[in-house]
Amino acid sequence: MTLLADRSISFIGAGNMAEALIRGLIRGGHVGADRVFASSPRAERQAELRAGYGIVCTGDNKDIASRASIVVLATKPQIMEKVLREIGDHVRPHTLVISVAAGVDCATLESHLHGEGVRVVRAMPNTPALVGAGATAISAGKAATQDDLAIATALFDAVGITVTLDEIHLDAVTGLSGSGPAYIFLILEALADAGVKVGLARRIAQRLAAQTVMGSAKMLLETDEHPGKLKDMVTSPGGTAIAGLHTLEEGGLRTTLINAVETATKRARELGRGGK
């Protein structure tokens, strides 16, 4: 039996991230479909989730929030306070509330949740959770326990890997792994374009680029080596890889990626302060 087996879980919001978690939980056998609930304002989306996973899905946030012992807030950060005002009095006592909204801190969440014994965990997952390869960081609110963190870890481990950090680091995670898939997709698109330029068919170039990125990431995760050491394994004196790396350094790729993560982190902080 897993930590989630006897839990009921409600998702407020039913976008891609909520669906990724629902799929991972149900198809991985972590929780039964009869214990999963979701809300969406769109009737067609409700029907999709009911048909796809056999869960209860309605347009009533307050009803869904009151059904479960774990409530996952999966709405956009710009509307989070509105949603919290709507459901704050309807979350059951002693519920664990997990938010995946970028930039919305635990203090803001806690200020709207009035039930006795309600605890908050904030999480930052990313979209590869859709294919079971997500990277999620979680942090505890002031009342959350180690057991709560273990439950949140079990939930996000159903769709990838999970790390626990102090909340002060969550905006940086948003800028790195939360936004990171967009950077990697841009790099993959550029690599595929390059393959086409030097004579490869588009489909072949795209598949080779994607497998190369996936394989490189797997090497790093499984060896736990410094990426510089793995890079040096590919480069030989006067060879092709070092020539290509020289061009990347000349073009400022390293600096550009660092700046992208820093800019996205700043944007996450702005969202947390109510920025549009």
Protein backbone atom coordinates (compact mmCIF):
# COMPACT_ATOMS: atom_id res chain seq x y z
CA MET A 1 0.00 0.00 0.00
CA THR A 2 1.30 3.46 -0.92
CA LEU A 3 1.01 6.62 1.17
CA LEU A 4 -1.81 7.71 -1.13
CA ALA A 5 -3.83 4.50 -1.31
CA ASP A 6 -6.42 5.47 1.31
CA ARG A 7 -6.47 9.18 0.50
CA SER A 8 -8.99 11.17 -1.51
CA ILE A 9 -7.59 13.89 -3.77
CA SER A 10 -9.35 16.93 -5.26
CA PHE A 11 -7.91 19.07 -8.04
CA ILE A 12 -9.10 22.67 -8.26
CA GLY A 13 -8.34 23.40 -11.88
CA ALA A 14 -8.05 20.73 -14.55
CA GLY A 15 -5.40 21.88 -17.00
CA ASN A 16 -2.39 19.97 -18.29
CA MET A 17 -0.59 19.72 -14.96
CA ALA A 18 -3.66 18.48 -13.11
CA GLU A 19 -4.28 15.90 -15.83
CA ALA A 20 -0.66 14.74 -15.71
CA LEU A 21 -0.97 14.14 -11.98
CA ILE A 22 -4.36 12.45 -12.33
CA ARG A 23 -3.00 10.15 -15.04
CA GLY A 24 0.12 9.26 -13.07
CA LEU A 25 -1.82 8.58 -9.88
CA ILE A 26 -4.54 6.43 -11.42
CA ARG A 27 -2.57 4.55 -14.06
CA GLY A 28 0.28 3.97 -11.63
CA GLY A 29 -2.15 2.39 -9.17
CA HIS A 30 -1.38 4.93 -6.44
CA VAL A 31 -5.03 5.84 -5.87
CA GLY A 32 -8.36 4.64 -7.23
CA ALA A 33 -10.36 6.75 -9.69
CA ASP A 34 -13.25 6.77 -7.22
CA ARG A 35 -11.07 8.80 -4.85
CA VAL A 36 -10.09 11.49 -7.36
CA PHE A 37 -12.14 14.64 -8.03
CA ALA A 38 -11.57 17.69 -10.22
CA SER A 39 -13.18 20.97 -11.17
CA SER A 40 -13.11 22.87 -14.45
CA PRO A 41 -15.23 25.78 -15.69
CA ARG A 42 -15.59 24.14 -19.12
CA ALA A 43 -18.21 21.44 -19.59
CA GLU A 44 -16.25 19.81 -22.43
CA ARG A 45 -13.16 19.54 -20.23
CA GLN A 46 -15.21 17.98 -17.46
CA ALA A 47 -16.50 15.40 -19.93
CA GLU A 48 -12.96 14.63 -21.18
CA LEU A 49 -11.67 13.88 -17.70
CA ARG A 50 -14.70 11.82 -16.73
CA ALA A 51 -14.38 9.75 -19.91
CA GLY A 52 -10.59 9.46 -19.78
CA TYR A 53 -10.09 8.56 -16.13
CA GLY A 54 -13.46 7.71 -14.59
CA ILE A 55 -13.23 10.51 -12.02
CA VAL A 56 -15.85 12.95 -10.75
CA CYS A 57 -15.37 16.29 -12.48
CA THR A 58 -17.70 19.29 -12.13
CA GLY A 59 -17.65 23.06 -12.43
CA ASP A 60 -18.20 23.60 -8.70
CA ASN A 61 -14.93 24.50 -6.98
CA LYS A 62 -16.51 24.61 -3.52
CA ASP A 63 -18.01 21.13 -3.85
CA ILE A 64 -14.77 19.60 -5.14
CA ALA A 65 -12.72 21.33 -2.42
CA SER A 66 -14.93 19.83 0.28
CA ARG A 67 -14.68 16.22 -0.94
CA ALA A 68 -11.08 15.24 -0.22
CA SER A 69 -8.35 14.95 2.39
CA ILE A 70 -5.81 16.35 -0.13
CA VAL A 71 -6.65 19.39 -2.24
CA VAL A 72 -4.35 20.31 -5.13
CA LEU A 73 -4.64 23.92 -6.28
CA ALA A 74 -3.84 23.79 -10.01
CA THR A 75 -5.11 27.17 -11.17
CA LYS A 76 -3.20 30.05 -12.78
CA PRO A 77 -1.39 32.26 -10.26
CA GLN A 78 -3.22 35.34 -11.54
CA ILE A 79 -6.58 33.97 -10.34
CA MET A 80 -5.39 32.08 -7.26
CA GLU A 81 -6.59 34.64 -4.71
CA LYS A 82 -10.06 34.66 -6.30
CA VAL A 83 -10.19 30.86 -6.12
CA LEU A 84 -8.95 30.87 -2.52
CA ARG A 85 -11.67 33.32 -1.50
CA GLU A 86 -14.21 31.01 -3.11
CA ILE A 87 -13.09 27.75 -1.49
CA GLY A 88 -11.43 28.94 1.73
CA ASP A 89 -14.37 28.12 3.98
CA HIS A 90 -15.15 24.83 2.21
CA VAL A 91 -11.87 22.96 2.66
CA ARG A 92 -12.39 20.26 5.30
CA PRO A 93 -10.56 20.43 8.65
CA HIS A 94 -7.13 18.74 8.70
CA THR A 95 -6.87 18.84 4.89
CA LEU A 96 -3.48 18.94 3.20
CA VAL A 97 -3.53 21.67 0.53
CA ILE A 98 -0.87 21.49 -2.21
CA SER A 99 -0.43 24.41 -4.61
CA VAL A 100 1.33 24.23 -7.98
CA ALA A 101 0.80 27.92 -8.83
CA ALA A 102 4.05 29.73 -9.65
CA GLY A 103 4.95 32.58 -7.35
CA VAL A 104 2.08 32.23 -4.85
CA ASP A 105 3.71 31.79 -1.45
CA CYS A 106 2.59 29.65 1.45
CA ALA A 107 1.67 32.67 3.59
CA THR A 108 -0.82 33.84 0.95
CA LEU A 109 -2.35 30.40 0.71
CA GLU A 110 -2.58 30.00 4.48
CA SER A 111 -4.24 33.40 4.93
CA HIS A 112 -7.26 32.22 2.91
CA LEU A 113 -7.65 28.71 4.35
CA HIS A 114 -9.62 28.84 7.58
CA GLY A 115 -10.31 25.22 8.46
CA GLU A 116 -8.90 23.75 11.64
CA GLY A 117 -5.65 21.88 11.09
CA VAL A 118 -5.34 22.74 7.38
CA ARG A 119 -1.71 22.52 6.21
CA VAL A 120 -0.06 23.87 3.07
CA VAL A 121 2.67 22.53 0.81
CA ARG A 122 3.82 24.57 -2.16
CA ALA A 123 5.11 22.76 -5.26
CA MET A 124 6.75 23.64 -8.54
CA PRO A 125 6.41 20.81 -11.08
CA ASN A 126 7.08 21.03 -14.82
CA THR A 127 5.33 19.86 -17.98
CA PRO A 128 7.38 16.68 -18.59
CA ALA A 129 5.15 15.31 -15.83
CA LEU A 130 2.78 14.73 -18.76
CA VAL A 131 5.02 11.84 -19.84
CA GLY A 132 6.06 10.69 -16.37
CA ALA A 133 9.38 12.55 -16.47
CA GLY A 134 8.61 15.61 -14.37
CA ALA A 135 10.91 17.46 -11.99
CA THR A 136 9.17 18.91 -8.93
CA ALA A 137 10.39 20.88 -5.93
CA ILE A 138 8.22 21.14 -2.82
CA SER A 139 8.37 23.25 0.33
CA ALA A 140 6.41 23.16 3.57
CA GLY A 141 4.13 25.84 4.94
CA LYS A 142 4.39 26.79 8.60
CA ALA A 143 2.05 24.02 9.84
CA ALA A 144 3.05 21.25 7.39
CA THR A 145 4.69 18.17 8.88
CA GLN A 146 7.25 15.67 7.62
CA ASP A 147 4.33 13.30 6.96
CA ASP A 148 2.74 15.99 4.77
CA LEU A 149 5.95 16.36 2.80
CA ALA A 150 6.14 12.59 2.40
CA ILE A 151 2.58 12.54 1.01
CA ALA A 152 3.34 15.41 -1.39
CA THR A 153 6.52 13.63 -2.48
CA ALA A 154 4.55 10.44 -3.18
CA LEU A 155 2.07 12.43 -5.27
CA PHE A 156 4.72 14.06 -7.47
CA ASP A 157 6.92 10.95 -7.61
CA ALA A 158 4.02 9.40 -9.52
CA VAL A 159 5.03 11.62 -12.46
CA GLY A 160 8.80 12.01 -12.06
CA ILE A 161 11.27 13.01 -9.35
CA THR A 162 10.75 15.28 -6.33
CA VAL A 163 13.09 17.33 -4.18
CA THR A 164 12.35 19.22 -0.94
CA LEU A 165 13.64 22.78 -0.52
CA ASP A 166 13.08 25.82 1.66
CA GLU A 167 10.39 28.04 0.15
CA ILE A 168 12.87 30.84 -0.50
CA HIS A 169 14.24 28.71 -3.37
CA LEU A 170 10.92 27.95 -5.10
CA ASP A 171 11.00 30.96 -7.45
CA ALA A 172 14.47 29.89 -8.60
CA VAL A 173 13.10 26.41 -9.29
CA THR A 174 10.35 28.05 -11.36
CA GLY A 175 12.99 29.84 -13.42
CA LEU A 176 15.10 26.69 -13.86
CA SER A 177 13.08 23.47 -14.11
CA GLY A 178 9.59 24.98 -14.18
CA SER A 179 10.33 27.11 -17.25
CA GLY A 180 13.25 24.97 -18.42
CA PRO A 181 11.32 22.72 -20.81
CA ALA A 182 10.62 25.78 -22.97
CA TYR A 183 14.35 26.47 -23.21
CA ILE A 184 15.08 22.85 -24.11
CA PHE A 185 12.36 22.76 -26.76
CA LEU A 186 13.87 25.88 -28.34
CA ILE A 187 17.30 24.24 -28.30
CA LEU A 188 15.83 21.06 -29.81
CA GLU A 189 14.13 23.05 -32.55
CA ALA A 190 17.41 24.80 -33.34
CA LEU A 191 19.33 21.52 -33.40
CA ALA A 192 16.77 20.01 -35.75
CA ASP A 193 16.99 23.09 -37.99
CA ALA A 194 20.76 22.68 -38.00
CA GLY A 195 20.39 19.05 -39.00
CA VAL A 196 18.19 20.08 -41.92
CA LYS A 197 20.71 22.73 -42.94
CA VAL A 198 23.49 20.15 -43.17
CA GLY A 199 21.35 17.73 -45.18
CA LEU A 200 19.23 15.60 -42.85
CA ALA A 201 15.50 15.05 -43.26
CA ARG A 202 13.46 17.08 -40.75
CA ARG A 203 11.93 14.09 -38.99
CA ILE A 204 15.27 12.30 -38.67
CA ALA A 205 17.01 15.43 -37.40
CA GLN A 206 14.31 16.01 -34.81
CA ARG A 207 14.41 12.43 -33.52
CA LEU A 208 18.19 12.40 -33.30
CA ALA A 209 18.24 15.74 -31.47
CA ALA A 210 15.57 14.63 -28.99
CA GLN A 211 17.27 11.30 -28.27
CA THR A 212 20.60 13.08 -27.83
CA VAL A 213 19.16 15.46 -25.23
CA MET A 214 17.32 12.65 -23.45
CA GLY A 215 20.36 10.39 -23.43
CA SER A 216 22.65 13.15 -22.19
CA ALA A 217 20.25 13.98 -19.34
CA LYS A 218 20.01 10.29 -18.43
CA MET A 219 23.80 10.01 -18.31
CA LEU A 220 24.00 12.97 -15.94
CA LEU A 221 21.27 11.64 -13.64
CA GLU A 222 22.60 8.09 -13.52
CA THR A 223 26.31 8.91 -13.15
CA ASP A 224 25.86 12.02 -10.95
CA GLU A 225 29.05 13.35 -12.54
CA HIS A 226 29.73 17.03 -13.08
CA PRO A 227 28.41 17.96 -16.55
CA GLY A 228 31.81 19.42 -17.42
CA LYS A 229 33.40 15.99 -16.96
CA LEU A 230 30.78 14.36 -19.19
CA LYS A 231 31.31 17.11 -21.77
CA ASP A 232 35.05 16.39 -21.74
CA MET A 233 34.32 12.71 -22.47
CA VAL A 234 32.85 13.77 -25.82
CA THR A 235 35.60 16.18 -26.84
CA SER A 236 38.89 15.02 -28.34
CA PRO A 237 41.87 17.16 -29.36
CA GLY A 238 41.20 18.91 -32.64
CA GLY A 239 37.87 17.09 -32.98
CA THR A 240 34.37 17.99 -34.06
CA ALA A 241 32.82 18.47 -30.61
CA ILE A 242 35.40 21.02 -29.43
CA ALA A 243 34.94 22.95 -32.66
CA GLY A 244 31.20 23.06 -32.09
CA LEU A 245 31.64 24.03 -28.43
CA HIS A 246 33.88 26.93 -29.45
CA THR A 247 31.07 28.25 -31.64
CA LEU A 248 28.53 27.90 -28.81
CA GLU A 249 30.79 29.80 -26.41
CA GLU A 250 31.45 32.45 -29.04
CA GLY A 251 27.71 32.88 -29.46
CA GLY A 252 27.15 33.32 -25.72
CA LEU A 253 24.93 30.27 -25.19
CA ARG A 254 26.07 29.78 -21.59
CA THR A 255 25.42 33.42 -20.65
CA THR A 256 22.09 33.48 -22.48
CA LEU A 257 20.80 30.42 -20.60
CA ILE A 258 21.92 31.85 -17.25
CA ASN A 259 20.15 35.12 -18.08
CA ALA A 260 16.99 33.24 -19.10
CA VAL A 261 16.79 31.42 -15.76
CA GLU A 262 17.42 34.66 -13.87
CA THR A 263 14.75 36.55 -15.84
CA ALA A 264 12.18 33.78 -15.35
CA THR A 265 12.93 33.71 -11.62
CA LYS A 266 12.32 37.45 -11.38
CA ARG A 267 9.04 37.00 -13.25
CA ALA A 268 7.95 34.29 -10.79
CA ARG A 269 8.57 36.73 -7.94
CA GLU A 270 6.50 39.38 -9.72
CA LEU A 271 3.62 36.94 -10.09
CA GLY A 272 3.84 36.21 -6.38
CA ARG A 273 3.42 39.92 -5.69
CA GLY A 274 0.33 40.07 -7.88
CA GLY A 275 2.06 41.11 -11.08
CA LYS A 276 0.18 40.77 -14.37
